[in-house]
Amino acid sequence: MSKSKTFLNSAIVLYFVVCFEILIMISPFAGFFYSAFNPFLLGFAKYRATRWLSAFFFTHMVVPPNDFLKVVRILGSVLFSLGIVLFLICALQVYASKLLHRGPVTKGLYSLIRHPQYVALAIAGAGLAILWPRFLVVVLWLAMVLVYYLLASDEEGRMQRQHPEAYGEYTQRTGMFLPRSVEHAVPLSTAASRAAAFLLLATFAVGAAFLLRQYTVDHLPLWMDSKVVALAVLAEDKQMMEHRMSDVLSLEPIKSRLAENQSYLVYFLPTNYVMQGLIADTGDDWQLYKRHHTISRFGDWIFHPFTHLGGAHASAFEPNGHSHHSAGEGSVRRLIFVKISATSVTKPADVFSVGAMRTPDFMVDVDVHNLTVLATKSLPVETAWGKVPTPAF
């Protein structure tokens, strides 16, 4: 294999390693992975020009608060699953043809386009960019698309030299990545036109991610007073939060902990919320890489994109399957207070700005209905995954 092809394949491997960060995060290998990968994320976060690469542009910890955002989230699961299924079908065709010595594959999906496997992986990659929505994933997806084009061009050149007549006839009736009738309608015959098309795709992908981030932040279930912005992880908790948050903040065990001239982001969530370790290190129960449920969590992430966040499956990840509070305590919520710095907070969306620094401070379990503080705990300045940049919403 040539050095250039090895490099291109390595770029694809890097893309999928980054995309499957969420799977690695909940596996026992998280520590090994982040010992190598986290310096890159922290390097991006260190400089204003690259800080956006380690940020997130879509909901991951918060249930999408409206139908449009729910459709986008479901679309991520659909695209990922569809891409993987199509890839496996193509792989089965290719390897069956090799084992049975049938020659080049020209039937099935290969009768429509010449590189359906690359298209399938690009579809799966687009889905993964929604499922694990770091801006870095979008940028690497674009790099992967470019790599697939270069690999496909190299493969076609070799096939033309080895089978000039047969492959020439095949290219006349099929498209490279889209059906031939569609590709004919798009003028991409020159290198300049193909470069322009890629730049247009890059502008659309990155621009769409920024627009989706702004739309997401604008529609989060938020509450704000002079120095606190509260975010309800579950949309159904928004009304409770709005009606009781002022009174909750007036409780002495909370009021005494709030520093003067300090802005806070407060996560308003169930006590058994499974993703709370991404917000702060609230205890070993929520360091999911210690729970040994990697495959089931990954399945929930794809096939139960909303219910697992709300705690419907949370008991499976708690010690002995027991929650910290009895089932009858329906008004008990955990409030995680995160200090906001490096930005001025004049409107709720400011706490989620790419440049904002978010530092865990303390958490409180409160019976919101009875205005009773059940427990308080000071928090380390890192999340359950250390200094890894994690989602803010």
Protein backbone atom coordinates (compact mmCIF):
# COMPACT_ATOMS: atom_id res chain seq x y z
CA MET A 1 0.00 0.00 0.00
CA SER A 2 1.38 3.42 -0.93
CA LYS A 3 2.23 6.00 1.71
CA SER A 4 -0.47 8.35 0.40
CA LYS A 5 -3.16 5.68 0.69
CA THR A 6 -1.97 4.77 4.19
CA PHE A 7 -2.26 8.43 5.16
CA LEU A 8 -5.76 8.70 3.70
CA ASN A 9 -6.94 5.57 5.49
CA SER A 10 -5.41 6.87 8.73
CA ALA A 11 -7.43 10.08 8.32
CA ILE A 12 -10.63 8.02 8.08
CA VAL A 13 -9.70 6.02 11.17
CA LEU A 14 -9.04 9.28 13.06
CA TYR A 15 -12.47 10.57 12.09
CA PHE A 16 -14.30 7.53 13.43
CA VAL A 17 -12.17 7.48 16.59
CA VAL A 18 -13.25 11.06 17.31
CA CYS A 19 -16.87 10.32 16.38
CA PHE A 20 -17.00 7.34 18.71
CA GLU A 21 -15.67 9.44 21.58
CA ILE A 22 -19.04 9.04 23.28
CA LEU A 23 -18.70 5.23 23.16
CA ILE A 24 -15.17 5.44 24.52
CA MET A 25 -16.26 7.87 27.26
CA ILE A 26 -18.60 5.27 28.78
CA SER A 27 -16.16 2.40 28.43
CA PRO A 28 -13.43 1.30 30.87
CA PHE A 29 -10.87 2.57 28.34
CA ALA A 30 -11.84 6.24 28.77
CA GLY A 31 -8.72 7.05 30.78
CA PHE A 32 -6.36 5.61 28.15
CA PHE A 33 -8.20 7.39 25.34
CA TYR A 34 -8.18 10.82 26.97
CA SER A 35 -4.56 10.57 28.03
CA ALA A 36 -3.80 10.81 24.30
CA PHE A 37 -6.78 12.76 22.93
CA ASN A 38 -7.50 15.32 25.65
CA PRO A 39 -4.31 17.37 25.05
CA PHE A 40 -5.61 18.09 21.53
CA LEU A 41 -9.02 19.19 22.84
CA LEU A 42 -7.43 21.36 25.51
CA GLY A 43 -5.09 22.79 22.88
CA PHE A 44 -8.06 23.81 20.74
CA ALA A 45 -9.83 25.29 23.77
CA LYS A 46 -6.79 27.35 24.75
CA TYR A 47 -6.94 29.75 21.80
CA ARG A 48 -9.84 31.99 20.79
CA ALA A 49 -9.43 31.15 17.08
CA THR A 50 -9.79 27.38 17.63
CA ARG A 51 -11.90 27.22 20.81
CA TRP A 52 -15.06 26.58 18.80
CA LEU A 53 -13.67 23.25 17.54
CA SER A 54 -14.01 21.59 20.96
CA ALA A 55 -17.45 23.15 21.61
CA PHE A 56 -20.80 21.47 20.95
CA PHE A 57 -23.50 22.75 18.61
CA PHE A 58 -26.52 20.63 19.53
CA THR A 59 -28.20 19.08 22.55
CA HIS A 60 -26.56 16.06 24.11
CA MET A 61 -27.38 16.28 27.82
CA VAL A 62 -30.72 18.10 27.54
CA VAL A 63 -33.85 16.58 26.01
CA PRO A 64 -34.51 18.64 22.83
CA PRO A 65 -37.13 21.18 23.91
CA ASN A 66 -39.22 21.41 20.72
CA ASP A 67 -40.36 19.24 17.84
CA PHE A 68 -37.85 20.59 15.32
CA LEU A 69 -34.89 19.78 17.55
CA LYS A 70 -36.34 16.35 18.31
CA VAL A 71 -36.61 15.67 14.57
CA VAL A 72 -32.97 16.69 14.10
CA ARG A 73 -31.90 14.38 16.94
CA ILE A 74 -33.91 11.46 15.52
CA LEU A 75 -32.44 12.22 12.09
CA GLY A 76 -28.98 11.66 13.58
CA SER A 77 -29.94 8.15 14.70
CA VAL A 78 -31.64 7.40 11.37
CA LEU A 79 -28.68 8.56 9.26
CA PHE A 80 -26.17 6.67 11.39
CA SER A 81 -28.20 3.44 11.33
CA LEU A 82 -28.99 3.75 7.61
CA GLY A 83 -25.36 4.39 6.73
CA ILE A 84 -24.14 1.39 8.71
CA VAL A 85 -26.77 -0.91 7.17
CA LEU A 86 -25.94 0.24 3.64
CA PHE A 87 -22.21 -0.18 4.31
CA LEU A 88 -22.71 -3.74 5.56
CA ILE A 89 -24.84 -4.61 2.51
CA CYS A 90 -22.12 -3.30 0.20
CA ALA A 91 -19.40 -5.10 2.15
CA LEU A 92 -21.36 -8.35 1.90
CA GLN A 93 -21.62 -7.91 -1.88
CA VAL A 94 -17.90 -7.21 -2.24
CA TYR A 95 -16.65 -10.06 -0.06
CA ALA A 96 -19.16 -12.55 -1.50
CA SER A 97 -17.92 -11.66 -4.96
CA LYS A 98 -14.31 -12.20 -3.88
CA LEU A 99 -15.01 -15.53 -2.21
CA LEU A 100 -17.03 -16.80 -5.19
CA HIS A 101 -14.58 -15.35 -7.76
CA ARG A 102 -17.32 -13.45 -9.60
CA GLY A 103 -15.15 -10.49 -10.51
CA PRO A 104 -16.01 -6.80 -10.00
CA VAL A 105 -19.31 -6.05 -8.26
CA THR A 106 -21.71 -4.24 -10.60
CA LYS A 107 -25.11 -5.25 -9.25
CA GLY A 108 -27.28 -4.05 -6.37
CA LEU A 109 -26.24 -0.60 -5.16
CA TYR A 110 -23.18 -0.84 -7.41
CA SER A 111 -25.48 -0.72 -10.45
CA LEU A 112 -26.46 2.84 -9.44
CA ILE A 113 -23.17 4.32 -8.22
CA ARG A 114 -19.59 3.15 -8.25
CA HIS A 115 -18.72 3.84 -4.61
CA PRO A 116 -21.77 3.10 -2.44
CA GLN A 117 -19.61 2.05 0.51
CA TYR A 118 -18.03 5.50 0.73
CA VAL A 119 -21.45 7.14 0.40
CA ALA A 120 -22.80 4.88 3.16
CA LEU A 121 -19.95 5.81 5.50
CA ALA A 122 -20.46 9.50 4.71
CA ILE A 123 -24.15 9.13 5.61
CA ALA A 124 -23.26 7.35 8.86
CA GLY A 125 -20.70 10.06 9.59
CA ALA A 126 -23.28 12.80 9.11
CA GLY A 127 -25.50 11.01 11.61
CA LEU A 128 -22.64 10.72 14.08
CA ALA A 129 -22.01 14.46 13.80
CA ILE A 130 -25.53 14.98 15.16
CA LEU A 131 -25.23 12.26 17.79
CA TRP A 132 -21.90 13.59 19.11
CA PRO A 133 -22.11 17.22 18.03
CA ARG A 134 -18.63 18.66 18.48
CA PHE A 135 -17.69 21.19 15.81
CA LEU A 136 -14.48 19.16 15.45
CA VAL A 137 -16.56 16.21 14.27
CA VAL A 138 -18.09 18.32 11.48
CA VAL A 139 -14.66 19.51 10.36
CA LEU A 140 -13.30 15.97 10.37
CA TRP A 141 -16.39 14.76 8.50
CA LEU A 142 -15.52 17.23 5.75
CA ALA A 143 -11.94 15.93 5.75
CA MET A 144 -13.30 12.38 5.50
CA VAL A 145 -15.49 13.30 2.51
CA LEU A 146 -12.41 14.74 0.78
CA VAL A 147 -10.41 11.62 1.62
CA TYR A 148 -13.14 9.39 0.15
CA TYR A 149 -13.06 11.38 -3.07
CA LEU A 150 -9.27 11.02 -3.33
CA LEU A 151 -9.43 7.29 -2.56
CA ALA A 152 -12.20 6.77 -5.10
CA SER A 153 -10.28 8.66 -7.77
CA ASP A 154 -7.18 6.56 -7.10
CA GLU A 155 -9.18 3.32 -7.27
CA GLU A 156 -10.84 4.34 -10.53
CA GLY A 157 -7.51 5.18 -12.09
CA ARG A 158 -6.22 1.71 -11.27
CA MET A 159 -9.37 0.01 -12.55
CA GLN A 160 -9.22 1.97 -15.81
CA ARG A 161 -5.65 0.77 -16.36
CA GLN A 162 -6.45 -2.85 -15.46
CA HIS A 163 -9.83 -3.19 -17.23
CA PRO A 164 -10.04 -0.30 -19.72
CA GLU A 165 -13.00 -1.56 -21.78
CA ALA A 166 -15.16 -3.15 -19.08
CA TYR A 167 -14.61 -0.41 -16.54
CA GLY A 168 -15.02 2.29 -19.15
CA GLU A 169 -18.45 0.90 -20.05
CA TYR A 170 -19.35 0.69 -16.34
CA THR A 171 -18.47 4.35 -15.76
CA GLN A 172 -20.63 5.38 -18.73
CA ARG A 173 -23.79 4.03 -17.07
CA THR A 174 -23.13 4.79 -13.39
CA GLY A 175 -22.31 7.83 -11.32
CA MET A 176 -19.34 8.13 -9.00
CA PHE A 177 -21.23 9.00 -5.79
CA LEU A 178 -24.70 9.85 -7.10
CA PRO A 179 -26.83 8.32 -9.88
CA ARG A 180 -25.48 9.34 -13.28
CA SER A 181 -28.55 11.42 -14.16
CA VAL A 182 -28.01 13.51 -11.02
CA GLU A 183 -24.28 13.93 -11.57
CA HIS A 184 -24.87 15.02 -15.17
CA ALA A 185 -27.08 17.82 -13.91
CA VAL A 186 -24.23 19.14 -11.72
CA PRO A 187 -21.27 20.66 -13.63
CA LEU A 188 -18.31 19.05 -11.84
CA SER A 189 -16.12 18.08 -14.77
CA THR A 190 -13.17 20.33 -13.89
CA ALA A 191 -10.88 20.40 -10.86
CA ALA A 192 -11.91 24.01 -10.18
CA SER A 193 -15.61 23.12 -10.14
CA ARG A 194 -15.00 20.18 -7.79
CA ALA A 195 -12.96 22.40 -5.45
CA ALA A 196 -15.73 24.98 -5.49
CA ALA A 197 -18.30 22.29 -4.70
CA PHE A 198 -16.25 21.12 -1.72
CA LEU A 199 -15.88 24.68 -0.41
CA LEU A 200 -19.63 25.13 -0.77
CA LEU A 201 -20.22 21.89 1.17
CA ALA A 202 -17.79 23.00 3.90
CA THR A 203 -19.44 26.40 4.20
CA PHE A 204 -22.88 24.80 4.42
CA ALA A 205 -21.86 22.15 6.98
CA VAL A 206 -20.01 24.47 9.37
CA GLY A 207 -22.50 27.30 8.88
CA ALA A 208 -25.44 24.97 9.53
CA ALA A 209 -23.76 23.76 12.74
CA PHE A 210 -23.38 27.34 14.01
CA LEU A 211 -26.98 28.19 13.09
CA LEU A 212 -28.22 25.01 14.79
CA ARG A 213 -26.24 25.91 17.91
CA GLN A 214 -27.78 29.37 18.04
CA TYR A 215 -31.26 28.00 17.47
CA THR A 216 -30.74 25.36 20.17
CA VAL A 217 -29.55 27.87 22.77
CA ASP A 218 -32.42 30.24 21.92
CA HIS A 219 -34.96 27.47 22.61
CA LEU A 220 -33.51 25.90 25.76
CA PRO A 221 -35.84 25.93 28.79
CA LEU A 222 -34.10 28.69 30.78
CA TRP A 223 -34.83 30.91 33.79
CA MET A 224 -32.75 33.96 34.77
CA ASP A 225 -32.36 36.43 37.60
CA SER A 226 -29.58 38.94 38.30
CA LYS A 227 -26.77 36.41 38.55
CA VAL A 228 -28.22 32.93 37.96
CA VAL A 229 -29.28 31.26 34.72
CA ALA A 230 -31.10 27.98 35.36
CA LEU A 231 -31.52 25.25 32.75
CA ALA A 232 -34.12 22.48 33.03
CA VAL A 233 -32.71 19.25 31.62
CA LEU A 234 -36.26 17.93 31.14
CA ALA A 235 -38.69 20.22 29.33
CA GLU A 236 -41.50 19.17 31.69
CA ASP A 237 -39.52 20.61 34.62
CA LYS A 238 -39.54 24.12 33.13
CA GLN A 239 -42.77 25.19 34.81
CA MET A 240 -41.62 23.90 38.21
CA MET A 241 -38.30 25.70 37.77
CA GLU A 242 -39.91 28.99 36.75
CA HIS A 243 -42.38 28.98 39.64
CA ARG A 244 -40.02 27.92 42.42
CA MET A 245 -36.49 28.92 41.43
CA SER A 246 -36.57 32.32 43.16
CA ASP A 247 -37.72 30.71 46.40
CA VAL A 248 -35.15 27.93 46.10
CA LEU A 249 -32.32 30.44 45.69
CA SER A 250 -33.51 32.23 48.83
CA LEU A 251 -32.95 29.14 50.98
CA GLU A 252 -30.08 29.86 53.38
CA PRO A 253 -27.94 26.76 52.57
CA ILE A 254 -27.95 27.93 48.93
CA LYS A 255 -27.94 31.70 49.37
CA SER A 256 -24.90 31.54 51.66
CA ARG A 257 -22.88 29.70 48.99
CA LEU A 258 -23.53 32.18 46.17
CA ALA A 259 -20.54 34.51 45.76
CA GLU A 260 -21.00 38.24 45.20
CA ASN A 261 -20.52 39.49 41.63
CA GLN A 262 -20.39 35.91 40.35
CA SER A 263 -22.59 34.53 37.55
CA TYR A 264 -23.85 30.95 37.74
CA LEU A 265 -25.35 28.39 35.43
CA VAL A 266 -27.61 26.05 37.41
CA TYR A 267 -28.63 22.68 36.02
CA PHE A 268 -32.11 21.71 37.27
CA LEU A 269 -32.36 17.94 36.93
CA PRO A 270 -33.59 14.68 38.48
CA THR A 271 -31.30 13.23 41.14
CA ASN A 272 -30.83 10.06 39.05
CA TYR A 273 -30.07 11.88 35.80
CA VAL A 274 -27.59 9.58 34.06
CA MET A 275 -25.47 12.22 32.30
CA GLN A 276 -24.75 14.47 35.29
CA GLY A 277 -21.09 13.43 35.32
CA LEU A 278 -20.63 15.52 32.16
CA ILE A 279 -21.64 18.61 34.17
CA ALA A 280 -19.66 17.90 37.33
CA ASP A 281 -18.10 15.07 39.30
CA THR A 282 -21.14 14.46 41.52
CA GLY A 283 -19.99 11.01 42.64
CA ASP A 284 -18.83 7.60 41.45
CA ASP A 285 -22.38 6.56 40.57
CA TRP A 286 -22.31 8.94 37.59
CA GLN A 287 -18.84 8.13 36.28
CA LEU A 288 -20.39 5.96 33.58
CA TYR A 289 -17.10 4.40 32.51
CA LYS A 290 -17.14 2.59 35.87
CA ARG A 291 -20.65 1.18 35.43
CA HIS A 292 -19.77 -1.51 32.82
CA HIS A 293 -22.90 -0.89 30.73
CA THR A 294 -21.11 0.41 27.64
CA ILE A 295 -23.09 -1.48 24.98
CA SER A 296 -26.50 -0.88 26.55
CA ARG A 297 -25.71 2.83 27.02
CA PHE A 298 -24.57 3.06 23.41
CA GLY A 299 -27.79 1.39 22.29
CA ASP A 300 -29.84 3.83 24.37
CA TRP A 301 -27.89 6.73 22.89
CA ILE A 302 -28.97 5.69 19.38
CA PHE A 303 -32.38 4.07 19.85
CA HIS A 304 -33.75 5.85 22.96
CA PRO A 305 -32.50 9.41 22.35
CA PHE A 306 -34.86 11.08 24.85
CA THR A 307 -36.14 8.59 27.42
CA HIS A 308 -32.73 7.54 28.75
CA LEU A 309 -31.91 11.16 29.63
CA GLY A 310 -35.06 11.45 31.67
CA GLY A 311 -34.12 8.58 33.92
CA ALA A 312 -36.37 5.91 32.38
CA HIS A 313 -33.36 3.61 32.22
CA ALA A 314 -31.36 5.24 35.01
CA SER A 315 -31.92 2.52 37.59
CA ALA A 316 -29.90 0.12 35.44
CA PHE A 317 -26.84 2.26 36.04
CA GLU A 318 -27.24 2.92 39.75
CA PRO A 319 -25.71 0.66 42.41
CA ASN A 320 -28.00 -2.34 42.94
CA GLY A 321 -30.59 -0.65 40.73
CA HIS A 322 -31.69 1.68 43.54
CA SER A 323 -32.24 5.41 43.25
CA HIS A 324 -30.89 7.82 45.84
CA HIS A 325 -34.41 9.01 46.68
CA SER A 326 -37.60 7.04 46.94
CA ALA A 327 -39.99 6.93 44.03
CA GLY A 328 -42.55 9.04 45.91
CA GLU A 329 -40.28 12.10 46.03
CA GLY A 330 -41.51 13.52 42.74
CA SER A 331 -40.59 17.11 43.63
CA VAL A 332 -36.97 16.38 44.57
CA ARG A 333 -34.47 17.87 42.14
CA ARG A 334 -30.69 18.15 42.04
CA LEU A 335 -29.31 21.63 41.35
CA ILE A 336 -25.71 21.74 40.10
CA PHE A 337 -24.19 25.22 40.37
CA VAL A 338 -21.50 26.04 37.80
CA LYS A 339 -19.49 29.29 37.95
CA ILE A 340 -19.35 31.30 34.71
CA SER A 341 -16.28 33.37 33.92
CA ALA A 342 -14.43 34.90 30.94
CA THR A 343 -17.66 36.41 29.64
CA SER A 344 -20.26 38.96 30.74
CA VAL A 345 -23.74 37.57 31.31
CA THR A 346 -26.42 40.01 30.19
CA LYS A 347 -28.81 37.49 28.68
CA PRO A 348 -29.32 33.76 29.30
CA ALA A 349 -27.55 32.64 26.12
CA ASP A 350 -24.27 34.23 27.30
CA VAL A 351 -23.55 31.36 29.71
CA PHE A 352 -23.30 29.04 26.69
CA SER A 353 -20.98 31.22 24.59
CA VAL A 354 -18.00 29.39 23.14
CA GLY A 355 -15.62 31.64 25.09
CA ALA A 356 -17.31 31.18 28.48
CA MET A 357 -15.47 29.23 31.17
CA ARG A 358 -17.75 26.92 33.21
CA THR A 359 -16.39 25.63 36.54
CA PRO A 360 -18.41 23.29 38.81
CA ASP A 361 -18.92 24.78 42.30
CA PHE A 362 -21.50 22.91 44.41
CA MET A 363 -24.69 20.88 44.19
CA VAL A 364 -27.86 20.80 46.25
CA ASP A 365 -30.69 18.26 46.44
CA VAL A 366 -33.92 20.14 47.11
CA ASP A 367 -37.53 19.20 47.65
CA VAL A 368 -38.77 21.98 45.41
CA HIS A 369 -42.39 21.66 46.56
CA ASN A 370 -41.63 21.90 50.29
CA LEU A 371 -38.57 24.16 49.87
CA THR A 372 -36.41 21.82 51.90
CA VAL A 373 -32.69 21.28 51.30
CA LEU A 374 -31.98 17.55 51.59
CA ALA A 375 -28.24 17.56 50.89
CA THR A 376 -25.41 19.84 49.81
CA LYS A 377 -22.00 19.00 48.42
CA SER A 378 -18.99 21.00 47.26
CA LEU A 379 -17.74 19.88 43.86
CA PRO A 380 -14.27 19.56 42.36
CA VAL A 381 -13.46 21.99 39.58
CA GLU A 382 -13.41 19.18 37.00
CA THR A 383 -16.14 16.94 35.61
CA ALA A 384 -16.27 13.17 36.08
CA TRP A 385 -13.99 12.97 33.01
CA GLY A 386 -11.42 15.42 34.35
CA LYS A 387 -10.57 18.45 32.21
CA VAL A 388 -12.17 17.11 29.03
CA PRO A 389 -14.33 19.78 27.32
CA THR A 390 -17.87 18.41 27.73
CA PRO A 391 -21.27 19.52 26.38
CA ALA A 392 -22.92 22.53 28.02
CA PHE A 393 -26.46 21.52 27.00
